[in-house]
Structures are given as structure tokens and as C-alpha cells.
Amino acid sequence: MTELTDAALAQFRQHLETERDELMRQQDASDADRAPVTLDQQSVGRLSRMDAMQVQAMAKAVDDRRKLALVQIEAALKRLDAGDFGYCVNCDDAIARKRLDLDPKAASCIKCAS
């Protein structure tokens, strides 16, 4: 891979920051879905409560994936700041530009990721 230009690095930074901001907005918007389900039989019937618990479980799973993506984004931004972006964290080989275009969070080359 050829060295990434300053313009390309700026594009990757912009993409990562935009994705981070969107994930954080989604996280704030889904707080209610992850809230504990009340066990009051008067306010919610058994089936409704089970449905609410299923919604809560799905919201927690989505939140876990969102948190992982945020960690990966922060790591990619740190690699950008350190000048290590675009290089595999395992073998230090260059990561293919197409791979970075598809996922700027990629921390390893395709050989090490396999």
C-alpha cells in the first residue's frame, strides 16, 4: 500500500468522528429501551411484560455492539493521532486501502484478521 495522503487521513478521521457521534446519539436515544422492566402486575400484564423484557434484551445486545464499535473508533482515532493508522497492529504491514475504505476501524491486515 502506498502511504496515505493527508487528505485521505482527514477523510478517515471525519468518517470515524461522524460514526462516533451517530453511535453516541443512538445510545442516548435508546436509554428507555434498556431500562429495567417493572414487575407490577397491575400496570403490565404477563405477556406485555415478557414483550418488554424481550425489547430490553434486544436493546442491551444492540448497545453492547454499539459500545464495541465506539471502542474500535476511539482506537482508530488514537492510531491516527499517533501516525500508526493504516498499519496492522499485529504484523505492522500496511492494511489494504480497500479494507480501510470499507471499515476505517480495521486494526489488522486481512492476513492477520483471518
N, C-alpha and C. Protein backbone atom coordinates (compact mmCIF):
# COMPACT_ATOMS: atom_id res chain seq x y z
N MET A 1 0.85 -1.18 0.00
CA MET A 1 0.00 0.00 0.00
C MET A 1 0.89 1.23 0.00
N THR A 2 0.49 2.20 -0.74
CA THR A 2 1.22 3.46 -0.71
C THR A 2 0.82 4.23 0.54
N GLU A 3 1.66 5.16 0.91
CA GLU A 3 1.36 5.97 2.09
C GLU A 3 0.03 6.70 1.90
N LEU A 4 -0.73 6.80 2.95
CA LEU A 4 -1.98 7.54 2.88
C LEU A 4 -1.68 9.03 2.88
N THR A 5 -2.34 9.76 2.02
CA THR A 5 -2.13 11.20 1.95
C THR A 5 -2.80 11.87 3.14
N ASP A 6 -2.42 13.11 3.37
CA ASP A 6 -3.05 13.88 4.45
C ASP A 6 -4.54 14.03 4.21
N ALA A 7 -4.92 14.20 2.94
CA ALA A 7 -6.34 14.33 2.61
C ALA A 7 -7.10 13.04 2.93
N ALA A 8 -6.49 11.90 2.61
CA ALA A 8 -7.13 10.61 2.90
C ALA A 8 -7.26 10.41 4.41
N LEU A 9 -6.21 10.75 5.14
CA LEU A 9 -6.27 10.62 6.60
C LEU A 9 -7.35 11.53 7.18
N ALA A 10 -7.48 12.73 6.64
CA ALA A 10 -8.52 13.65 7.11
C ALA A 10 -9.91 13.08 6.82
N GLN A 11 -10.06 12.44 5.66
CA GLN A 11 -11.34 11.81 5.34
C GLN A 11 -11.66 10.68 6.30
N PHE A 12 -10.67 9.85 6.60
CA PHE A 12 -10.89 8.76 7.55
C PHE A 12 -11.25 9.32 8.92
N ARG A 13 -10.56 10.37 9.36
CA ARG A 13 -10.86 10.98 10.66
C ARG A 13 -12.30 11.50 10.67
N GLN A 14 -12.70 12.19 9.61
CA GLN A 14 -14.06 12.73 9.53
C GLN A 14 -15.09 11.61 9.58
N HIS A 15 -14.83 10.54 8.84
CA HIS A 15 -15.75 9.39 8.82
C HIS A 15 -15.87 8.78 10.21
N LEU A 16 -14.75 8.57 10.88
CA LEU A 16 -14.75 7.97 12.22
C LEU A 16 -15.46 8.87 13.22
N GLU A 17 -15.21 10.16 13.17
CA GLU A 17 -15.86 11.09 14.11
C GLU A 17 -17.36 11.17 13.86
N THR A 18 -17.76 11.15 12.60
CA THR A 18 -19.20 11.17 12.27
C THR A 18 -19.88 9.91 12.78
N GLU A 19 -19.23 8.75 12.56
CA GLU A 19 -19.80 7.49 13.03
C GLU A 19 -19.88 7.47 14.56
N ARG A 20 -18.84 7.98 15.23
CA ARG A 20 -18.84 8.03 16.69
C ARG A 20 -19.99 8.90 17.20
N ASP A 21 -20.18 10.07 16.59
CA ASP A 21 -21.25 10.97 17.02
C ASP A 21 -22.62 10.34 16.81
N GLU A 22 -22.80 9.64 15.70
CA GLU A 22 -24.08 8.98 15.43
C GLU A 22 -24.34 7.85 16.43
N LEU A 23 -23.32 7.06 16.72
CA LEU A 23 -23.49 5.98 17.70
C LEU A 23 -23.82 6.53 19.08
N MET A 24 -23.20 7.62 19.46
CA MET A 24 -23.49 8.22 20.77
C MET A 24 -24.91 8.78 20.81
N ARG A 25 -25.37 9.35 19.69
CA ARG A 25 -26.74 9.86 19.62
C ARG A 25 -27.73 8.69 19.75
N GLN A 26 -27.45 7.59 19.06
CA GLN A 26 -28.31 6.42 19.15
C GLN A 26 -28.32 5.85 20.56
N GLN A 27 -27.17 5.86 21.21
CA GLN A 27 -27.08 5.34 22.57
C GLN A 27 -27.95 6.16 23.52
N ASP A 28 -27.90 7.47 23.38
CA ASP A 28 -28.73 8.33 24.22
C ASP A 28 -30.22 8.11 23.94
N ALA A 29 -30.56 7.90 22.67
CA ALA A 29 -31.96 7.73 22.29
C ALA A 29 -32.54 6.40 22.76
N SER A 30 -31.71 5.41 23.01
CA SER A 30 -32.22 4.09 23.38
C SER A 30 -32.15 3.81 24.89
N ASP A 31 -31.89 4.82 25.69
CA ASP A 31 -31.82 4.64 27.14
C ASP A 31 -33.10 4.02 27.71
N ALA A 32 -34.24 4.47 27.24
CA ALA A 32 -35.52 3.98 27.78
C ALA A 32 -35.72 2.49 27.49
N ASP A 33 -35.25 2.03 26.34
CA ASP A 33 -35.43 0.62 25.98
C ASP A 33 -34.61 -0.31 26.88
N ARG A 34 -33.50 0.21 27.41
CA ARG A 34 -32.63 -0.62 28.26
C ARG A 34 -33.00 -0.52 29.75
N ALA A 35 -33.98 0.28 30.07
CA ALA A 35 -34.39 0.46 31.46
C ALA A 35 -34.96 -0.84 32.02
N PRO A 36 -34.84 -1.05 33.33
CA PRO A 36 -35.41 -2.25 33.94
C PRO A 36 -36.91 -2.33 33.73
N VAL A 37 -37.39 -3.55 33.53
CA VAL A 37 -38.82 -3.79 33.33
C VAL A 37 -39.48 -3.92 34.69
N THR A 38 -40.56 -3.19 34.89
CA THR A 38 -41.27 -3.26 36.17
C THR A 38 -42.02 -4.58 36.29
N LEU A 39 -42.14 -5.06 37.51
CA LEU A 39 -42.82 -6.33 37.75
C LEU A 39 -44.22 -6.14 38.31
N ASP A 40 -44.74 -4.95 38.24
CA ASP A 40 -46.07 -4.64 38.75
C ASP A 40 -47.14 -5.26 37.84
N GLN A 41 -47.85 -6.26 38.35
CA GLN A 41 -48.89 -6.95 37.56
C GLN A 41 -50.06 -6.02 37.23
N GLN A 42 -50.26 -4.98 38.02
CA GLN A 42 -51.38 -4.07 37.78
C GLN A 42 -51.16 -3.20 36.54
N SER A 43 -49.90 -2.79 36.33
CA SER A 43 -49.65 -1.87 35.22
C SER A 43 -49.34 -2.58 33.91
N VAL A 44 -48.80 -3.78 33.99
CA VAL A 44 -48.42 -4.51 32.78
C VAL A 44 -48.78 -5.97 32.98
N GLY A 45 -49.47 -6.53 32.01
CA GLY A 45 -49.81 -7.95 32.07
C GLY A 45 -48.59 -8.81 31.83
N ARG A 46 -48.74 -10.12 32.06
CA ARG A 46 -47.61 -11.04 31.96
C ARG A 46 -47.03 -11.05 30.54
N LEU A 47 -47.88 -11.14 29.51
CA LEU A 47 -47.38 -11.17 28.14
C LEU A 47 -46.76 -9.84 27.75
N SER A 48 -47.36 -8.75 28.19
CA SER A 48 -46.79 -7.44 27.89
C SER A 48 -45.44 -7.27 28.56
N ARG A 49 -45.32 -7.79 29.78
CA ARG A 49 -44.05 -7.72 30.50
C ARG A 49 -42.99 -8.56 29.80
N MET A 50 -43.39 -9.75 29.31
CA MET A 50 -42.44 -10.60 28.58
C MET A 50 -41.98 -9.90 27.30
N ASP A 51 -42.90 -9.23 26.62
CA ASP A 51 -42.55 -8.49 25.42
C ASP A 51 -41.58 -7.36 25.77
N ALA A 52 -41.85 -6.67 26.87
CA ALA A 52 -40.97 -5.58 27.31
C ALA A 52 -39.59 -6.11 27.66
N MET A 53 -39.53 -7.29 28.26
CA MET A 53 -38.24 -7.89 28.61
C MET A 53 -37.47 -8.29 27.35
N GLN A 54 -38.20 -8.75 26.33
CA GLN A 54 -37.54 -9.09 25.06
C GLN A 54 -36.99 -7.83 24.40
N VAL A 55 -37.75 -6.77 24.40
CA VAL A 55 -37.29 -5.49 23.84
C VAL A 55 -36.05 -5.02 24.60
N GLN A 56 -36.09 -5.16 25.92
CA GLN A 56 -34.95 -4.76 26.75
C GLN A 56 -33.71 -5.58 26.40
N ALA A 57 -33.86 -6.89 26.24
CA ALA A 57 -32.73 -7.76 25.92
C ALA A 57 -32.14 -7.40 24.56
N MET A 58 -33.00 -7.15 23.59
CA MET A 58 -32.51 -6.76 22.26
C MET A 58 -31.80 -5.41 22.32
N ALA A 59 -32.35 -4.48 23.09
CA ALA A 59 -31.73 -3.16 23.22
C ALA A 59 -30.36 -3.27 23.89
N LYS A 60 -30.24 -4.16 24.86
CA LYS A 60 -28.94 -4.35 25.52
C LYS A 60 -27.92 -4.96 24.56
N ALA A 61 -28.37 -5.90 23.72
CA ALA A 61 -27.46 -6.52 22.74
C ALA A 61 -26.99 -5.49 21.72
N VAL A 62 -27.89 -4.66 21.26
CA VAL A 62 -27.52 -3.60 20.31
C VAL A 62 -26.56 -2.62 20.99
N ASP A 63 -26.83 -2.31 22.25
CA ASP A 63 -25.97 -1.40 22.99
C ASP A 63 -24.56 -1.98 23.16
N ASP A 64 -24.46 -3.28 23.40
CA ASP A 64 -23.15 -3.92 23.52
C ASP A 64 -22.36 -3.80 22.21
N ARG A 65 -23.04 -4.01 21.08
CA ARG A 65 -22.37 -3.87 19.79
C ARG A 65 -21.97 -2.42 19.54
N ARG A 66 -22.82 -1.51 19.96
CA ARG A 66 -22.53 -0.08 19.81
C ARG A 66 -21.32 0.32 20.63
N LYS A 67 -21.24 -0.19 21.86
CA LYS A 67 -20.09 0.12 22.71
C LYS A 67 -18.80 -0.43 22.13
N LEU A 68 -18.85 -1.63 21.56
CA LEU A 68 -17.68 -2.21 20.92
C LEU A 68 -17.23 -1.35 19.75
N ALA A 69 -18.18 -0.90 18.94
CA ALA A 69 -17.85 -0.04 17.80
C ALA A 69 -17.22 1.27 18.29
N LEU A 70 -17.73 1.83 19.39
CA LEU A 70 -17.17 3.07 19.92
C LEU A 70 -15.73 2.86 20.39
N VAL A 71 -15.46 1.73 21.01
CA VAL A 71 -14.09 1.42 21.44
C VAL A 71 -13.17 1.30 20.22
N GLN A 72 -13.66 0.64 19.18
CA GLN A 72 -12.87 0.48 17.96
C GLN A 72 -12.61 1.83 17.28
N ILE A 73 -13.61 2.70 17.30
CA ILE A 73 -13.45 4.03 16.71
C ILE A 73 -12.41 4.84 17.49
N GLU A 74 -12.50 4.81 18.81
CA GLU A 74 -11.54 5.55 19.62
C GLU A 74 -10.12 5.02 19.39
N ALA A 75 -9.98 3.70 19.25
CA ALA A 75 -8.66 3.12 18.99
C ALA A 75 -8.14 3.58 17.63
N ALA A 76 -9.02 3.63 16.62
CA ALA A 76 -8.61 4.09 15.29
C ALA A 76 -8.20 5.55 15.32
N LEU A 77 -8.93 6.37 16.07
CA LEU A 77 -8.57 7.79 16.19
C LEU A 77 -7.23 7.96 16.89
N LYS A 78 -6.96 7.12 17.88
CA LYS A 78 -5.65 7.17 18.55
C LYS A 78 -4.53 6.77 17.60
N ARG A 79 -4.81 5.76 16.74
CA ARG A 79 -3.80 5.36 15.75
C ARG A 79 -3.56 6.49 14.75
N LEU A 80 -4.63 7.22 14.40
CA LEU A 80 -4.47 8.38 13.52
C LEU A 80 -3.58 9.42 14.17
N ASP A 81 -3.84 9.72 15.44
CA ASP A 81 -3.05 10.72 16.16
C ASP A 81 -1.59 10.31 16.29
N ALA A 82 -1.36 9.01 16.46
CA ALA A 82 0.00 8.50 16.66
C ALA A 82 0.75 8.29 15.35
N GLY A 83 0.05 8.40 14.22
CA GLY A 83 0.68 8.16 12.93
C GLY A 83 0.76 6.69 12.56
N ASP A 84 0.02 5.84 13.27
CA ASP A 84 0.04 4.40 13.02
C ASP A 84 -1.16 3.92 12.23
N PHE A 85 -2.05 4.82 11.83
CA PHE A 85 -3.26 4.43 11.12
C PHE A 85 -2.88 3.84 9.76
N GLY A 86 -3.53 2.74 9.42
CA GLY A 86 -3.27 2.10 8.14
C GLY A 86 -2.25 0.98 8.21
N TYR A 87 -1.75 0.73 9.41
CA TYR A 87 -0.78 -0.35 9.60
C TYR A 87 -1.34 -1.36 10.60
N CYS A 88 -1.12 -2.63 10.31
CA CYS A 88 -1.62 -3.72 11.14
C CYS A 88 -1.01 -3.66 12.54
N VAL A 89 -1.84 -3.80 13.56
CA VAL A 89 -1.35 -3.76 14.93
C VAL A 89 -0.62 -5.05 15.30
N ASN A 90 -0.79 -6.10 14.51
CA ASN A 90 -0.13 -7.38 14.79
C ASN A 90 1.22 -7.51 14.09
N CYS A 91 1.23 -7.30 12.76
CA CYS A 91 2.46 -7.54 12.00
C CYS A 91 3.10 -6.27 11.46
N ASP A 92 2.44 -5.14 11.63
CA ASP A 92 2.94 -3.82 11.20
C ASP A 92 2.99 -3.67 9.69
N ASP A 93 2.37 -4.59 8.94
CA ASP A 93 2.25 -4.43 7.48
C ASP A 93 1.15 -3.42 7.20
N ALA A 94 1.18 -2.85 6.02
CA ALA A 94 0.15 -1.90 5.62
C ALA A 94 -1.19 -2.64 5.43
N ILE A 95 -2.25 -1.99 5.85
CA ILE A 95 -3.60 -2.50 5.64
C ILE A 95 -4.06 -2.01 4.27
N ALA A 96 -4.65 -2.88 3.48
CA ALA A 96 -5.10 -2.52 2.13
C ALA A 96 -6.07 -1.34 2.19
N ARG A 97 -5.90 -0.42 1.27
CA ARG A 97 -6.75 0.78 1.22
C ARG A 97 -8.22 0.40 1.08
N LYS A 98 -8.52 -0.62 0.28
CA LYS A 98 -9.91 -1.05 0.11
C LYS A 98 -10.50 -1.50 1.44
N ARG A 99 -9.70 -2.17 2.24
CA ARG A 99 -10.16 -2.62 3.57
C ARG A 99 -10.47 -1.41 4.45
N LEU A 100 -9.60 -0.43 4.42
CA LEU A 100 -9.82 0.78 5.22
C LEU A 100 -11.02 1.57 4.71
N ASP A 101 -11.20 1.59 3.38
CA ASP A 101 -12.36 2.28 2.82
C ASP A 101 -13.66 1.64 3.29
N LEU A 102 -13.66 0.30 3.40
CA LEU A 102 -14.86 -0.41 3.86
C LEU A 102 -15.07 -0.26 5.36
N ASP A 103 -13.98 -0.30 6.11
CA ASP A 103 -14.08 -0.20 7.57
C ASP A 103 -12.85 0.51 8.12
N PRO A 104 -12.93 1.83 8.32
CA PRO A 104 -11.79 2.57 8.84
C PRO A 104 -11.38 2.14 10.25
N LYS A 105 -12.23 1.37 10.93
CA LYS A 105 -11.90 0.88 12.27
C LYS A 105 -10.95 -0.31 12.22
N ALA A 106 -10.74 -0.87 11.02
CA ALA A 106 -9.90 -2.07 10.89
C ALA A 106 -8.53 -1.83 11.48
N ALA A 107 -8.13 -2.73 12.39
CA ALA A 107 -6.85 -2.58 13.07
C ALA A 107 -5.82 -3.59 12.57
N SER A 108 -6.25 -4.53 11.75
CA SER A 108 -5.32 -5.56 11.29
C SER A 108 -5.49 -5.79 9.79
N CYS A 109 -4.42 -6.27 9.19
CA CYS A 109 -4.47 -6.61 7.76
C CYS A 109 -5.33 -7.86 7.60
N ILE A 110 -5.68 -8.16 6.37
CA ILE A 110 -6.57 -9.27 6.11
C ILE A 110 -5.91 -10.60 6.50
N LYS A 111 -4.59 -10.68 6.36
CA LYS A 111 -3.88 -11.93 6.71
C LYS A 111 -3.97 -12.18 8.22
N CYS A 112 -3.77 -11.16 9.02
CA CYS A 112 -3.84 -11.34 10.48
C CYS A 112 -5.29 -11.47 10.97
N ALA A 113 -6.21 -10.89 10.24
CA ALA A 113 -7.62 -10.96 10.65
C ALA A 113 -8.20 -12.34 10.37
N SER A 114 -7.59 -13.09 9.47
CA SER A 114 -8.12 -14.41 9.09
C SER A 114 -7.87 -15.44 10.14
